[in-house]
Amino acid sequence: MEKEEEKKVEAPVGIKPAPVAEVPPKPKGVEPKVEGVPPAEKPAAGYAALFSNRSFVLNTLAMAAMTFALGGLAQWMPSFLHRIYALDVARSNTLFGAIFMSMLDNGMNVVGIDQYLQQAILGIMVIVGVTLTFDRTKTPIVK
């Protein structure tokens, strides 16, 4: 018998092949044991421990209150600006959106979020905002 030649496949120029490691299959029905982690408890015990944490409860309530307040302001502010300053509703919505975006930007700076991630988040917020408020019925279709 002739010795088979080992075929070597080379990657294209400029591309490095990733190292591949073979992972043995996990036996069925066997849960991995992790040191320092207690076995799974009943969900009620986990919730009881979570809600006994005073910091968690207060922060959750504060975030819920802030969400309701911001929603109320978003609903009330444009009509207020229209009544008091005779600003049309579309411009007052834009003004409130600009105030909200600057508050979001300032908050992300205070928390210490990476600058590139901040830009991505603000960009996504602008795209979502424009998508939700854009009225396609008023836009002529170009053929």
N, C-alpha and C. Protein backbone atom coordinates (compact mmCIF):
# COMPACT_ATOMS: atom_id res chain seq x y z
N MET A 1 0.82 -1.19 0.00
CA MET A 1 0.00 0.00 0.00
C MET A 1 0.86 1.24 0.00
N GLU A 2 0.36 2.15 -0.76
CA GLU A 2 1.07 3.41 -0.80
C GLU A 2 0.61 4.30 0.35
N LYS A 3 1.51 5.04 0.82
CA LYS A 3 1.21 5.97 1.91
C LYS A 3 0.42 7.14 1.36
N GLU A 4 -0.75 7.42 2.00
CA GLU A 4 -1.56 8.55 1.54
C GLU A 4 -0.87 9.85 1.90
N GLU A 5 -0.92 10.75 0.95
CA GLU A 5 -0.34 12.05 1.21
C GLU A 5 -1.31 12.89 2.02
N GLU A 6 -0.79 13.57 2.99
CA GLU A 6 -1.63 14.44 3.81
C GLU A 6 -1.89 15.73 3.04
N LYS A 7 -3.19 16.00 2.83
CA LYS A 7 -3.54 17.20 2.10
C LYS A 7 -3.61 18.36 3.06
N LYS A 8 -2.96 19.43 2.71
CA LYS A 8 -2.94 20.61 3.55
C LYS A 8 -3.71 21.72 2.84
N VAL A 9 -4.71 22.24 3.53
CA VAL A 9 -5.50 23.32 2.97
C VAL A 9 -4.97 24.63 3.53
N GLU A 10 -4.69 25.54 2.63
CA GLU A 10 -4.15 26.82 3.07
C GLU A 10 -5.22 27.90 2.92
N ALA A 11 -5.19 28.84 3.85
CA ALA A 11 -6.12 29.96 3.81
C ALA A 11 -5.66 30.96 2.76
N PRO A 12 -6.60 31.70 2.19
CA PRO A 12 -6.22 32.75 1.24
C PRO A 12 -5.29 33.76 1.89
N VAL A 13 -4.56 34.46 1.08
CA VAL A 13 -3.58 35.44 1.56
C VAL A 13 -4.31 36.52 2.38
N GLY A 14 -3.78 36.81 3.53
CA GLY A 14 -4.35 37.87 4.37
C GLY A 14 -5.38 37.38 5.37
N ILE A 15 -5.79 36.12 5.28
CA ILE A 15 -6.79 35.58 6.21
C ILE A 15 -6.13 34.51 7.06
N LYS A 16 -6.20 34.70 8.36
CA LYS A 16 -5.62 33.73 9.28
C LYS A 16 -6.71 32.76 9.75
N PRO A 17 -6.47 31.49 9.66
CA PRO A 17 -7.48 30.54 10.13
C PRO A 17 -7.59 30.58 11.66
N ALA A 18 -8.80 30.44 12.16
CA ALA A 18 -9.02 30.45 13.61
C ALA A 18 -8.70 29.07 14.17
N PRO A 19 -8.07 29.02 15.33
CA PRO A 19 -7.82 27.71 15.94
C PRO A 19 -9.14 27.07 16.36
N VAL A 20 -9.22 25.78 16.15
CA VAL A 20 -10.45 25.06 16.46
C VAL A 20 -10.14 24.04 17.54
N ALA A 21 -10.93 24.06 18.60
CA ALA A 21 -10.76 23.08 19.67
C ALA A 21 -12.00 22.21 19.70
N GLU A 22 -11.79 20.93 19.86
CA GLU A 22 -12.93 20.02 19.91
C GLU A 22 -13.43 19.94 21.34
N VAL A 23 -14.71 20.22 21.53
CA VAL A 23 -15.33 20.20 22.85
C VAL A 23 -16.08 18.88 22.99
N PRO A 24 -15.79 18.14 24.06
CA PRO A 24 -16.50 16.87 24.22
C PRO A 24 -17.97 17.11 24.51
N PRO A 25 -18.85 16.23 24.03
CA PRO A 25 -20.29 16.42 24.28
C PRO A 25 -20.62 16.27 25.76
N LYS A 26 -21.61 17.05 26.19
CA LYS A 26 -22.04 17.01 27.58
C LYS A 26 -22.97 15.80 27.77
N PRO A 27 -22.73 15.00 28.80
CA PRO A 27 -23.62 13.85 29.03
C PRO A 27 -25.03 14.33 29.35
N LYS A 28 -26.02 13.64 28.80
CA LYS A 28 -27.41 14.04 29.02
C LYS A 28 -27.82 13.76 30.46
N GLY A 29 -28.59 14.70 31.02
CA GLY A 29 -29.12 14.51 32.37
C GLY A 29 -28.16 14.86 33.48
N VAL A 30 -26.97 15.33 33.15
CA VAL A 30 -25.98 15.67 34.17
C VAL A 30 -25.83 17.18 34.20
N GLU A 31 -26.08 17.79 35.35
CA GLU A 31 -25.93 19.23 35.51
C GLU A 31 -24.49 19.53 35.95
N PRO A 32 -23.87 20.54 35.38
CA PRO A 32 -22.51 20.87 35.80
C PRO A 32 -22.51 21.43 37.22
N LYS A 33 -21.49 21.09 37.97
CA LYS A 33 -21.36 21.58 39.34
C LYS A 33 -20.40 22.76 39.34
N VAL A 34 -20.87 23.88 39.86
CA VAL A 34 -20.05 25.07 39.96
C VAL A 34 -19.83 25.34 41.44
N GLU A 35 -18.57 25.51 41.81
CA GLU A 35 -18.27 25.73 43.21
C GLU A 35 -18.77 27.09 43.67
N GLY A 36 -19.33 27.15 44.86
CA GLY A 36 -19.77 28.40 45.44
C GLY A 36 -21.17 28.81 45.03
N VAL A 37 -21.81 28.08 44.13
CA VAL A 37 -23.16 28.42 43.70
C VAL A 37 -24.11 27.37 44.28
N PRO A 38 -25.10 27.83 45.06
CA PRO A 38 -26.02 26.86 45.65
C PRO A 38 -26.90 26.22 44.58
N PRO A 39 -27.42 25.03 44.83
CA PRO A 39 -28.31 24.41 43.86
C PRO A 39 -29.57 25.24 43.68
N ALA A 40 -30.25 25.01 42.56
CA ALA A 40 -31.45 25.79 42.24
C ALA A 40 -32.50 25.64 43.33
N GLU A 41 -33.04 26.78 43.75
CA GLU A 41 -34.08 26.78 44.77
C GLU A 41 -35.42 27.06 44.12
N LYS A 42 -36.45 27.06 44.94
CA LYS A 42 -37.76 27.42 44.42
C LYS A 42 -37.74 28.89 44.04
N PRO A 43 -38.46 29.27 42.97
CA PRO A 43 -38.45 30.68 42.56
C PRO A 43 -38.93 31.63 43.65
N ALA A 44 -39.87 31.20 44.48
CA ALA A 44 -40.38 32.08 45.53
C ALA A 44 -39.28 32.48 46.50
N ALA A 45 -38.37 31.57 46.79
CA ALA A 45 -37.27 31.89 47.70
C ALA A 45 -36.34 32.93 47.08
N GLY A 46 -36.12 32.81 45.77
CA GLY A 46 -35.28 33.79 45.08
C GLY A 46 -35.90 35.17 45.06
N TYR A 47 -37.22 35.22 44.81
CA TYR A 47 -37.92 36.51 44.82
C TYR A 47 -37.93 37.11 46.21
N ALA A 48 -38.11 36.28 47.22
CA ALA A 48 -38.11 36.78 48.60
C ALA A 48 -36.76 37.40 48.95
N ALA A 49 -35.69 36.76 48.52
CA ALA A 49 -34.36 37.29 48.79
C ALA A 49 -34.14 38.60 48.01
N LEU A 50 -34.65 38.65 46.79
CA LEU A 50 -34.50 39.85 45.97
C LEU A 50 -35.25 41.02 46.56
N PHE A 51 -36.49 40.79 46.97
CA PHE A 51 -37.30 41.88 47.50
C PHE A 51 -36.95 42.24 48.95
N SER A 52 -36.13 41.43 49.60
CA SER A 52 -35.66 41.82 50.93
C SER A 52 -34.46 42.76 50.83
N ASN A 53 -33.91 42.92 49.64
CA ASN A 53 -32.81 43.84 49.40
C ASN A 53 -33.38 45.25 49.26
N ARG A 54 -33.18 46.09 50.26
CA ARG A 54 -33.79 47.41 50.30
C ARG A 54 -33.34 48.30 49.14
N SER A 55 -32.07 48.22 48.78
CA SER A 55 -31.54 49.03 47.69
C SER A 55 -32.24 48.67 46.37
N PHE A 56 -32.42 47.39 46.12
CA PHE A 56 -33.11 46.95 44.91
C PHE A 56 -34.53 47.48 44.85
N VAL A 57 -35.25 47.36 45.96
CA VAL A 57 -36.66 47.79 45.99
C VAL A 57 -36.76 49.30 45.77
N LEU A 58 -35.93 50.08 46.46
CA LEU A 58 -35.99 51.54 46.32
C LEU A 58 -35.59 51.99 44.92
N ASN A 59 -34.56 51.39 44.35
CA ASN A 59 -34.15 51.76 42.99
C ASN A 59 -35.20 51.37 41.97
N THR A 60 -35.84 50.23 42.15
CA THR A 60 -36.89 49.82 41.22
C THR A 60 -38.08 50.77 41.30
N LEU A 61 -38.47 51.15 42.50
CA LEU A 61 -39.57 52.09 42.65
C LEU A 61 -39.22 53.46 42.07
N ALA A 62 -37.98 53.89 42.27
CA ALA A 62 -37.55 55.19 41.74
C ALA A 62 -37.55 55.18 40.21
N MET A 63 -37.10 54.08 39.60
CA MET A 63 -37.09 54.00 38.14
C MET A 63 -38.52 53.95 37.59
N ALA A 64 -39.42 53.27 38.29
CA ALA A 64 -40.81 53.24 37.85
C ALA A 64 -41.43 54.63 37.95
N ALA A 65 -41.15 55.36 39.03
CA ALA A 65 -41.67 56.72 39.18
C ALA A 65 -41.11 57.64 38.10
N MET A 66 -39.83 57.49 37.79
CA MET A 66 -39.22 58.32 36.75
C MET A 66 -39.84 58.01 35.39
N THR A 67 -40.13 56.75 35.12
CA THR A 67 -40.76 56.38 33.86
C THR A 67 -42.14 56.99 33.72
N PHE A 68 -42.94 56.92 34.78
CA PHE A 68 -44.27 57.52 34.74
C PHE A 68 -44.19 59.04 34.61
N ALA A 69 -43.24 59.66 35.31
CA ALA A 69 -43.10 61.12 35.23
C ALA A 69 -42.69 61.55 33.83
N LEU A 70 -41.74 60.83 33.24
CA LEU A 70 -41.29 61.19 31.90
C LEU A 70 -42.41 60.98 30.88
N GLY A 71 -43.18 59.91 31.04
CA GLY A 71 -44.32 59.69 30.14
C GLY A 71 -45.36 60.79 30.28
N GLY A 72 -45.63 61.21 31.52
CA GLY A 72 -46.57 62.30 31.74
C GLY A 72 -46.08 63.61 31.15
N LEU A 73 -44.78 63.89 31.33
CA LEU A 73 -44.22 65.11 30.74
C LEU A 73 -44.28 65.07 29.22
N ALA A 74 -44.00 63.92 28.64
CA ALA A 74 -44.04 63.80 27.18
C ALA A 74 -45.45 64.05 26.65
N GLN A 75 -46.45 63.69 27.43
CA GLN A 75 -47.83 63.91 27.01
C GLN A 75 -48.28 65.35 27.26
N TRP A 76 -47.82 65.93 28.37
CA TRP A 76 -48.32 67.24 28.82
C TRP A 76 -47.53 68.41 28.23
N MET A 77 -46.21 68.27 28.11
CA MET A 77 -45.35 69.39 27.74
C MET A 77 -45.70 70.03 26.41
N PRO A 78 -45.93 69.30 25.32
CA PRO A 78 -46.25 69.97 24.05
C PRO A 78 -47.52 70.82 24.13
N SER A 79 -48.56 70.32 24.79
CA SER A 79 -49.78 71.13 24.89
C SER A 79 -49.56 72.35 25.79
N PHE A 80 -48.74 72.22 26.82
CA PHE A 80 -48.40 73.35 27.68
C PHE A 80 -47.68 74.43 26.88
N LEU A 81 -46.67 74.02 26.11
CA LEU A 81 -45.93 74.99 25.30
C LEU A 81 -46.82 75.63 24.25
N HIS A 82 -47.79 74.89 23.74
CA HIS A 82 -48.72 75.44 22.76
C HIS A 82 -49.64 76.49 23.41
N ARG A 83 -50.15 76.20 24.61
CA ARG A 83 -51.05 77.13 25.29
C ARG A 83 -50.34 78.37 25.80
N ILE A 84 -49.20 78.21 26.42
CA ILE A 84 -48.51 79.32 27.08
C ILE A 84 -47.68 80.15 26.09
N TYR A 85 -46.92 79.48 25.22
CA TYR A 85 -46.00 80.19 24.34
C TYR A 85 -46.44 80.21 22.88
N ALA A 86 -47.64 79.75 22.59
CA ALA A 86 -48.20 79.72 21.23
C ALA A 86 -47.28 79.00 20.25
N LEU A 87 -46.62 77.97 20.73
CA LEU A 87 -45.74 77.16 19.89
C LEU A 87 -46.57 76.04 19.30
N ASP A 88 -46.44 75.79 17.99
CA ASP A 88 -47.25 74.70 17.45
C ASP A 88 -46.78 73.36 18.03
N VAL A 89 -47.66 72.40 18.01
CA VAL A 89 -47.40 71.14 18.71
C VAL A 89 -46.21 70.40 18.12
N ALA A 90 -46.03 70.46 16.81
CA ALA A 90 -44.90 69.76 16.18
C ALA A 90 -43.56 70.32 16.68
N ARG A 91 -43.46 71.65 16.78
CA ARG A 91 -42.22 72.26 17.27
C ARG A 91 -42.01 71.98 18.75
N SER A 92 -43.08 71.99 19.51
CA SER A 92 -42.92 71.71 20.93
C SER A 92 -42.55 70.24 21.16
N ASN A 93 -43.03 69.33 20.31
CA ASN A 93 -42.58 67.94 20.39
C ASN A 93 -41.10 67.83 20.10
N THR A 94 -40.65 68.57 19.09
CA THR A 94 -39.23 68.58 18.74
C THR A 94 -38.40 69.14 19.89
N LEU A 95 -38.87 70.22 20.49
CA LEU A 95 -38.16 70.82 21.62
C LEU A 95 -38.07 69.85 22.79
N PHE A 96 -39.19 69.21 23.11
CA PHE A 96 -39.16 68.24 24.20
C PHE A 96 -38.25 67.06 23.87
N GLY A 97 -38.24 66.61 22.62
CA GLY A 97 -37.34 65.53 22.22
C GLY A 97 -35.88 65.92 22.37
N ALA A 98 -35.55 67.17 22.02
CA ALA A 98 -34.17 67.65 22.16
C ALA A 98 -33.78 67.71 23.64
N ILE A 99 -34.70 68.17 24.48
CA ILE A 99 -34.42 68.21 25.93
C ILE A 99 -34.21 66.80 26.46
N PHE A 100 -35.05 65.87 26.02
CA PHE A 100 -34.93 64.47 26.48
C PHE A 100 -33.60 63.87 26.02
N MET A 101 -33.21 64.12 24.77
CA MET A 101 -31.95 63.56 24.27
C MET A 101 -30.75 64.14 25.02
N SER A 102 -30.80 65.44 25.35
CA SER A 102 -29.68 66.02 26.10
C SER A 102 -29.63 65.47 27.52
N MET A 103 -30.80 65.21 28.12
CA MET A 103 -30.82 64.59 29.45
C MET A 103 -30.24 63.17 29.38
N LEU A 104 -30.60 62.43 28.33
CA LEU A 104 -30.09 61.07 28.16
C LEU A 104 -28.58 61.09 27.95
N ASP A 105 -28.09 62.02 27.15
CA ASP A 105 -26.66 62.15 26.90
C ASP A 105 -25.91 62.48 28.19
N ASN A 106 -26.45 63.43 28.96
CA ASN A 106 -25.82 63.80 30.22
C ASN A 106 -25.82 62.63 31.20
N GLY A 107 -26.92 61.91 31.26
CA GLY A 107 -27.00 60.76 32.16
C GLY A 107 -26.00 59.68 31.80
N MET A 108 -25.82 59.44 30.51
CA MET A 108 -24.83 58.42 30.10
C MET A 108 -23.42 58.87 30.41
N ASN A 109 -23.15 60.19 30.33
CA ASN A 109 -21.83 60.70 30.72
C ASN A 109 -21.59 60.52 32.21
N VAL A 110 -22.61 60.80 33.01
CA VAL A 110 -22.48 60.67 34.46
C VAL A 110 -22.23 59.22 34.86
N VAL A 111 -22.95 58.30 34.22
CA VAL A 111 -22.80 56.88 34.54
C VAL A 111 -21.46 56.35 34.07
N GLY A 112 -20.90 56.95 33.02
CA GLY A 112 -19.58 56.54 32.53
C GLY A 112 -19.64 55.55 31.38
N ILE A 113 -20.69 55.63 30.57
CA ILE A 113 -20.80 54.75 29.41
C ILE A 113 -19.81 55.20 28.35
N ASP A 114 -19.20 54.24 27.66
CA ASP A 114 -18.23 54.52 26.61
C ASP A 114 -18.81 55.47 25.56
N GLN A 115 -17.98 56.39 25.07
CA GLN A 115 -18.44 57.42 24.14
C GLN A 115 -19.02 56.82 22.86
N TYR A 116 -18.41 55.77 22.34
CA TYR A 116 -18.92 55.16 21.11
C TYR A 116 -20.27 54.49 21.34
N LEU A 117 -20.43 53.87 22.50
CA LEU A 117 -21.72 53.25 22.83
C LEU A 117 -22.79 54.34 23.02
N GLN A 118 -22.41 55.48 23.59
CA GLN A 118 -23.34 56.60 23.73
C GLN A 118 -23.84 57.07 22.37
N GLN A 119 -22.92 57.20 21.42
CA GLN A 119 -23.32 57.63 20.09
C GLN A 119 -24.26 56.61 19.45
N ALA A 120 -23.97 55.34 19.64
CA ALA A 120 -24.83 54.30 19.07
C ALA A 120 -26.22 54.36 19.69
N ILE A 121 -26.29 54.51 21.01
CA ILE A 121 -27.59 54.57 21.69
C ILE A 121 -28.38 55.79 21.24
N LEU A 122 -27.73 56.95 21.18
CA LEU A 122 -28.44 58.16 20.73
C LEU A 122 -28.88 58.04 19.27
N GLY A 123 -28.06 57.43 18.44
CA GLY A 123 -28.44 57.23 17.04
C GLY A 123 -29.64 56.30 16.91
N ILE A 124 -29.65 55.23 17.69
CA ILE A 124 -30.79 54.31 17.67
C ILE A 124 -32.04 55.02 18.16
N MET A 125 -31.90 55.86 19.20
CA MET A 125 -33.05 56.61 19.71
C MET A 125 -33.61 57.55 18.65
N VAL A 126 -32.74 58.21 17.89
CA VAL A 126 -33.20 59.11 16.84
C VAL A 126 -33.92 58.32 15.75
N ILE A 127 -33.35 57.21 15.34
CA ILE A 127 -33.97 56.39 14.30
C ILE A 127 -35.34 55.89 14.75
N VAL A 128 -35.42 55.40 15.99
CA VAL A 128 -36.70 54.91 16.50
C VAL A 128 -37.71 56.05 16.60
N GLY A 129 -37.27 57.21 17.09
CA GLY A 129 -38.18 58.34 17.22
C GLY A 129 -38.71 58.82 15.89
N VAL A 130 -37.85 58.91 14.90
CA VAL A 130 -38.30 59.34 13.57
C VAL A 130 -39.23 58.30 12.96
N THR A 131 -38.90 57.04 13.14
CA THR A 131 -39.74 55.97 12.58
C THR A 131 -41.12 55.99 13.20
N LEU A 132 -41.20 56.20 14.50
CA LEU A 132 -42.50 56.18 15.17
C LEU A 132 -43.34 57.42 14.88
N THR A 133 -42.71 58.54 14.58
CA THR A 133 -43.49 59.77 14.39
C THR A 133 -43.65 60.17 12.93
N PHE A 134 -43.01 59.50 12.02
CA PHE A 134 -43.07 59.86 10.61
C PHE A 134 -44.42 59.45 10.03
N ASP A 135 -45.12 60.40 9.45
CA ASP A 135 -46.43 60.13 8.87
C ASP A 135 -46.26 59.89 7.37
N ARG A 136 -46.33 58.63 6.95
CA ARG A 136 -46.10 58.28 5.56
C ARG A 136 -47.26 58.67 4.66
N THR A 137 -48.43 58.95 5.25
CA THR A 137 -49.57 59.32 4.41
C THR A 137 -49.40 60.72 3.82
N LYS A 138 -48.57 61.55 4.45
CA LYS A 138 -48.36 62.92 3.97
C LYS A 138 -47.15 63.02 3.04
N THR A 139 -46.47 61.93 2.84
CA THR A 139 -45.27 61.94 1.99
C THR A 139 -45.64 61.45 0.60
N PRO A 140 -45.36 62.27 -0.43
CA PRO A 140 -45.65 61.80 -1.79
C PRO A 140 -44.71 60.67 -2.20
N ILE A 141 -45.24 59.75 -2.94
CA ILE A 141 -44.45 58.62 -3.41
C ILE A 141 -43.77 59.01 -4.72
N VAL A 142 -42.47 58.83 -4.77
CA VAL A 142 -41.71 59.16 -5.97
C VAL A 142 -41.60 57.90 -6.80
N LYS A 143 -42.01 58.00 -8.08
CA LYS A 143 -41.93 56.82 -8.96
C LYS A 143 -40.86 57.00 -9.99
